[in-house]
Every structure is written in structure tokens, then in C-alpha cells.
Amino acid sequence: MKREEGREVGLRALDQCEYMVLAVTDEAGLPYCMPLNGVRVGEAVYFHSAKRGEKLTCLRLHPQVCLTAVGSQRVVQQAYETEFTSAVARGTAYEVTDPEEQRAALRAICRKYAPDCPDRVEEVIERHLSNTAVGRVELEMVSGRERVYTKG
């Protein structure tokens, strides 16, 4: 089993993951976690949300957050092992209010999650922008772990 750790492994996991889990603190000071579609752009992760709801309420009250992601995962049954690439990231969350940054973030999300359907991106963004909130997590700490099975 080959293991690797570090920031670059974590960034790779954030880029490769199908979804991330955002951990926040709610109004009562309790943890609240939710899966979301996020995309890393430089030193930030962008995500979209409804304009109202517990997620945004939590972020406004307690902007310090944690993201986790699994970039890849495979069980090696014969060895009772699991290969994986994972990330834990901490940062400060902000609600994006600039319309151009919102559009750029939504374009990046579309490129990651719908790369085979680029022709309608602008139409979809414009249709949903008025009802969509965009969040940005400024990455302050990223760590990653990778385990690769090697026979023998």
C-alpha cells in the first residue's frame, strides 16, 4: 500500500470529486453538514444554493466552514484494502453578490458537472440566476490523503 499526504493531494481530490460535503455551524451552535456540487477555482471553492434556507443562514452566522471530498475510491476486495484520494479543507465562506462573479462561478460549475452540454450554459444561468445564491469558500487550509494498492 502506497500512501501520500499533503495539500496537492487534497486539491486533486477537490477537483476530481463528484460532490463535496460542507460542514457548518447552525444557529444553536450545532454541526450541520450537507452535500453539494462544488468546483475549485484557484484558492476558492464555489457552490450554488437556493437563496433561502438553512445553509445560507448558517454561513451568515458562522462563516468558518469545513469541506470534505473523496476524489476517487475503490475497494480492493482480495486485499481487504481501499484505495482513495480524499481532502479536508477549511476556510471562510462568503455569499457572492457580484453578478459577474456569480456567472463565472456558475459557468465553472457547469463545466465540471455538465462538460458534454456546453451549448445551453448561458441560457440556463440567465434563467436561474435570479433564484440562485452562489457561495465562495476561500481555502485557508487544505490537506489530502491518498492510498494506492500495490500488490505484494
C-alpha atoms as a PDB file:
ATOM      1  CA  MET A   1       0.000   0.000   0.000  1.00  0.00           C
ATOM      2  CA  LYS A   2       1.457   3.335  -1.071  1.00  0.00           C
ATOM      3  CA  ARG A   3       0.364   6.399   0.920  1.00  0.00           C
ATOM      4  CA  GLU A   4       0.745  10.049   0.130  1.00  0.00           C
ATOM      5  CA  GLU A   5      -0.406  13.111   2.029  1.00  0.00           C
ATOM      6  CA  GLY A   6      -0.387  16.850   1.510  1.00  0.00           C
ATOM      7  CA  ARG A   7      -2.012  19.902   0.022  1.00  0.00           C
ATOM      8  CA  GLU A   8      -1.581  18.831  -3.622  1.00  0.00           C
ATOM      9  CA  VAL A   9      -3.338  15.518  -2.938  1.00  0.00           C
ATOM     10  CA  GLY A  10      -6.203  17.433  -1.314  1.00  0.00           C
ATOM     11  CA  LEU A  11      -6.510  19.863  -4.209  1.00  0.00           C
ATOM     12  CA  ARG A  12      -6.617  16.945  -6.645  1.00  0.00           C
ATOM     13  CA  ALA A  13      -9.408  15.308  -4.618  1.00  0.00           C
ATOM     14  CA  LEU A  14     -11.407  18.567  -4.621  1.00  0.00           C
ATOM     15  CA  ASP A  15     -11.018  18.780  -8.400  1.00  0.00           C
ATOM     16  CA  GLN A  16     -11.960  15.132  -9.049  1.00  0.00           C
ATOM     17  CA  CYS A  17     -14.829  14.619  -6.603  1.00  0.00           C
ATOM     18  CA  GLU A  18     -18.416  14.092  -7.703  1.00  0.00           C
ATOM     19  CA  TYR A  19     -19.648  16.107  -4.742  1.00  0.00           C
ATOM     20  CA  MET A  20     -18.352  17.723  -1.564  1.00  0.00           C
ATOM     21  CA  VAL A  21     -19.739  17.834   1.945  1.00  0.00           C
ATOM     22  CA  LEU A  22     -19.900  21.265   3.550  1.00  0.00           C
ATOM     23  CA  ALA A  23     -19.857  21.370   7.354  1.00  0.00           C
ATOM     24  CA  VAL A  24     -21.164  24.491   9.049  1.00  0.00           C
ATOM     25  CA  THR A  25     -22.402  25.544  12.466  1.00  0.00           C
ATOM     26  CA  ASP A  26     -26.117  26.222  12.874  1.00  0.00           C
ATOM     27  CA  GLU A  27     -27.932  28.879  14.916  1.00  0.00           C
ATOM     28  CA  ALA A  28     -27.807  26.694  18.050  1.00  0.00           C
ATOM     29  CA  GLY A  29     -24.078  26.078  17.668  1.00  0.00           C
ATOM     30  CA  LEU A  30     -24.598  22.525  16.427  1.00  0.00           C
ATOM     31  CA  PRO A  31     -22.884  20.965  13.402  1.00  0.00           C
ATOM     32  CA  TYR A  32     -24.828  20.848  10.158  1.00  0.00           C
ATOM     33  CA  CYS A  33     -23.473  19.095   7.052  1.00  0.00           C
ATOM     34  CA  MET A  34     -24.794  18.964   3.538  1.00  0.00           C
ATOM     35  CA  PRO A  35     -23.572  17.523   0.239  1.00  0.00           C
ATOM     36  CA  LEU A  36     -23.182  19.993  -2.589  1.00  0.00           C
ATOM     37  CA  ASN A  37     -21.808  20.383  -6.082  1.00  0.00           C
ATOM     38  CA  GLY A  38     -18.690  22.469  -5.739  1.00  0.00           C
ATOM     39  CA  VAL A  39     -15.887  23.491  -8.049  1.00  0.00           C
ATOM     40  CA  ARG A  40     -12.439  24.740  -7.162  1.00  0.00           C
ATOM     41  CA  VAL A  41     -11.250  27.861  -8.946  1.00  0.00           C
ATOM     42  CA  GLY A  42      -7.772  28.757  -7.754  1.00  0.00           C
ATOM     43  CA  GLU A  43      -7.826  29.114  -3.980  1.00  0.00           C
ATOM     44  CA  ALA A  44     -11.622  29.106  -3.669  1.00  0.00           C
ATOM     45  CA  VAL A  45     -14.465  26.621  -3.946  1.00  0.00           C
ATOM     46  CA  TYR A  46     -17.741  27.844  -5.448  1.00  0.00           C
ATOM     47  CA  PHE A  47     -21.155  26.281  -4.969  1.00  0.00           C
ATOM     48  CA  HIS A  48     -24.765  27.216  -5.676  1.00  0.00           C
ATOM     49  CA  SER A  49     -27.764  27.176  -3.418  1.00  0.00           C
ATOM     50  CA  ALA A  50     -31.316  28.352  -3.019  1.00  0.00           C
ATOM     51  CA  LYS A  51     -31.495  31.977  -1.917  1.00  0.00           C
ATOM     52  CA  ARG A  52     -33.214  30.967   1.321  1.00  0.00           C
ATOM     53  CA  GLY A  53     -32.560  28.104   3.650  1.00  0.00           C
ATOM     54  CA  GLU A  54     -30.547  26.735   6.499  1.00  0.00           C
ATOM     55  CA  LYS A  55     -27.269  26.632   4.572  1.00  0.00           C
ATOM     56  CA  LEU A  56     -27.144  30.381   3.926  1.00  0.00           C
ATOM     57  CA  THR A  57     -28.433  31.184   7.406  1.00  0.00           C
ATOM     58  CA  CYS A  58     -25.594  29.141   8.905  1.00  0.00           C
ATOM     59  CA  LEU A  59     -22.976  30.683   6.623  1.00  0.00           C
ATOM     60  CA  ARG A  60     -24.048  34.195   7.515  1.00  0.00           C
ATOM     61  CA  LEU A  61     -23.875  33.461  11.252  1.00  0.00           C
ATOM     62  CA  HIS A  62     -20.723  31.323  11.236  1.00  0.00           C
ATOM     63  CA  PRO A  63     -18.664  31.744   8.060  1.00  0.00           C
ATOM     64  CA  GLN A  64     -15.869  29.391   9.183  1.00  0.00           C
ATOM     65  CA  VAL A  65     -16.522  26.090   7.382  1.00  0.00           C
ATOM     66  CA  CYS A  66     -15.016  22.740   6.573  1.00  0.00           C
ATOM     67  CA  LEU A  67     -15.279  20.868   3.259  1.00  0.00           C
ATOM     68  CA  THR A  68     -14.574  17.199   2.705  1.00  0.00           C
ATOM     69  CA  ALA A  69     -14.349  15.367  -0.583  1.00  0.00           C
ATOM     70  CA  VAL A  70     -13.436  11.961  -1.953  1.00  0.00           C
ATOM     71  CA  GLY A  71     -11.795  12.308  -5.339  1.00  0.00           C
ATOM     72  CA  SER A  72     -11.638   8.604  -6.037  1.00  0.00           C
ATOM     73  CA  GLN A  73     -12.341   5.411  -4.166  1.00  0.00           C
ATOM     74  CA  ARG A  74     -12.053   1.701  -4.958  1.00  0.00           C
ATOM     75  CA  VAL A  75     -12.289  -1.336  -2.711  1.00  0.00           C
ATOM     76  CA  VAL A  76      -9.629  -3.968  -3.402  1.00  0.00           C
ATOM     77  CA  GLN A  77     -11.620  -6.916  -2.110  1.00  0.00           C
ATOM     78  CA  GLN A  78      -8.925  -9.594  -2.292  1.00  0.00           C
ATOM     79  CA  ALA A  79      -6.619  -7.462  -0.133  1.00  0.00           C
ATOM     80  CA  TYR A  80      -9.266  -6.076   2.253  1.00  0.00           C
ATOM     81  CA  GLU A  81      -7.994  -2.615   1.386  1.00  0.00           C
ATOM     82  CA  THR A  82      -9.426   0.592  -0.030  1.00  0.00           C
ATOM     83  CA  GLU A  83      -7.708   2.890  -2.491  1.00  0.00           C
ATOM     84  CA  PHE A  84      -8.775   6.512  -2.196  1.00  0.00           C
ATOM     85  CA  THR A  85      -7.925  10.152  -2.630  1.00  0.00           C
ATOM     86  CA  SER A  86      -9.573  12.488  -0.131  1.00  0.00           C
ATOM     87  CA  ALA A  87      -9.483  16.085   1.059  1.00  0.00           C
ATOM     88  CA  VAL A  88     -10.293  18.107   4.120  1.00  0.00           C
ATOM     89  CA  ALA A  89     -10.354  21.852   3.609  1.00  0.00           C
ATOM     90  CA  ARG A  90     -11.083  24.699   5.980  1.00  0.00           C
ATOM     91  CA  GLY A  91     -11.934  28.224   5.050  1.00  0.00           C
ATOM     92  CA  THR A  92     -14.214  31.207   5.259  1.00  0.00           C
ATOM     93  CA  ALA A  93     -17.460  31.246   3.297  1.00  0.00           C
ATOM     94  CA  TYR A  94     -18.899  34.303   1.605  1.00  0.00           C
ATOM     95  CA  GLU A  95     -22.079  34.912  -0.308  1.00  0.00           C
ATOM     96  CA  VAL A  96     -21.140  36.127  -3.788  1.00  0.00           C
ATOM     97  CA  THR A  97     -23.103  39.272  -4.635  1.00  0.00           C
ATOM     98  CA  ASP A  98     -21.299  40.490  -7.762  1.00  0.00           C
ATOM     99  CA  PRO A  99     -23.352  39.299 -10.776  1.00  0.00           C
ATOM    100  CA  GLU A 100     -20.262  38.745 -12.953  1.00  0.00           C
ATOM    101  CA  GLU A 101     -18.557  36.615 -10.284  1.00  0.00           C
ATOM    102  CA  GLN A 102     -21.821  34.687  -9.847  1.00  0.00           C
ATOM    103  CA  ARG A 103     -21.982  33.975 -13.578  1.00  0.00           C
ATOM    104  CA  ALA A 104     -18.307  32.971 -13.723  1.00  0.00           C
ATOM    105  CA  ALA A 105     -18.800  30.610 -10.773  1.00  0.00           C
ATOM    106  CA  LEU A 106     -21.894  29.043 -12.330  1.00  0.00           C
ATOM    107  CA  ARG A 107     -20.039  28.601 -15.631  1.00  0.00           C
ATOM    108  CA  ALA A 108     -17.243  26.792 -13.757  1.00  0.00           C
ATOM    109  CA  ILE A 109     -19.797  24.551 -12.021  1.00  0.00           C
ATOM    110  CA  CYS A 110     -21.398  23.774 -15.390  1.00  0.00           C
ATOM    111  CA  ARG A 111     -18.005  22.939 -16.948  1.00  0.00           C
ATOM    112  CA  LYS A 112     -17.311  20.458 -14.141  1.00  0.00           C
ATOM    113  CA  TYR A 113     -20.719  18.789 -13.898  1.00  0.00           C
ATOM    114  CA  ALA A 114     -22.063  19.087 -17.464  1.00  0.00           C
ATOM    115  CA  PRO A 115     -18.967  19.150 -19.686  1.00  0.00           C
ATOM    116  CA  ASP A 116     -20.817  17.472 -22.562  1.00  0.00           C
ATOM    117  CA  CYS A 117     -23.580  20.102 -22.664  1.00  0.00           C
ATOM    118  CA  PRO A 118     -21.875  23.479 -23.156  1.00  0.00           C
ATOM    119  CA  ASP A 119     -24.367  24.854 -25.657  1.00  0.00           C
ATOM    120  CA  ARG A 120     -27.076  25.851 -23.121  1.00  0.00           C
ATOM    121  CA  VAL A 121     -24.923  27.076 -20.224  1.00  0.00           C
ATOM    122  CA  GLU A 122     -25.609  30.798 -20.694  1.00  0.00           C
ATOM    123  CA  GLU A 123     -29.336  30.230 -21.216  1.00  0.00           C
ATOM    124  CA  VAL A 124     -29.615  28.112 -18.064  1.00  0.00           C
ATOM    125  CA  ILE A 125     -27.587  30.576 -15.977  1.00  0.00           C
ATOM    126  CA  GLU A 126     -29.711  33.535 -17.066  1.00  0.00           C
ATOM    127  CA  ARG A 127     -32.954  31.628 -16.472  1.00  0.00           C
ATOM    128  CA  HIS A 128     -31.999  30.629 -12.900  1.00  0.00           C
ATOM    129  CA  LEU A 129     -29.691  33.420 -11.726  1.00  0.00           C
ATOM    130  CA  SER A 130     -32.417  35.460 -10.009  1.00  0.00           C
ATOM    131  CA  ASN A 131     -33.348  32.447  -7.838  1.00  0.00           C
ATOM    132  CA  THR A 132     -29.831  31.151  -7.197  1.00  0.00           C
ATOM    133  CA  ALA A 133     -27.362  32.077  -4.492  1.00  0.00           C
ATOM    134  CA  VAL A 134     -23.664  31.492  -5.089  1.00  0.00           C
ATOM    135  CA  GLY A 135     -21.235  30.840  -2.273  1.00  0.00           C
ATOM    136  CA  ARG A 136     -17.453  31.004  -2.215  1.00  0.00           C
ATOM    137  CA  VAL A 137     -15.196  29.328   0.316  1.00  0.00           C
ATOM    138  CA  GLU A 138     -11.771  30.932   0.488  1.00  0.00           C
ATOM    139  CA  LEU A 139      -9.448  27.991   1.145  1.00  0.00           C
ATOM    140  CA  GLU A 140      -7.232  28.618   4.156  1.00  0.00           C
ATOM    141  CA  MET A 141      -6.081  25.050   4.799  1.00  0.00           C
ATOM    142  CA  VAL A 142      -6.207  22.007   2.534  1.00  0.00           C
ATOM    143  CA  SER A 143      -4.921  18.565   3.391  1.00  0.00           C
ATOM    144  CA  GLY A 144      -5.238  15.361   1.468  1.00  0.00           C
ATOM    145  CA  ARG A 145      -4.603  11.674   1.756  1.00  0.00           C
ATOM    146  CA  GLU A 146      -4.111   9.124  -0.963  1.00  0.00           C
ATOM    147  CA  ARG A 147      -3.799   5.382  -0.656  1.00  0.00           C
ATOM    148  CA  VAL A 148      -2.902   3.269  -3.675  1.00  0.00           C
ATOM    149  CA  TYR A 149      -2.923  -0.510  -3.503  1.00  0.00           C
ATOM    150  CA  THR A 150       0.262  -2.163  -4.657  1.00  0.00           C
ATOM    151  CA  LYS A 151       0.315  -5.934  -4.827  1.00  0.00           C
ATOM    152  CA  GLY A 152       2.847  -7.588  -2.586  1.00  0.00           C
END
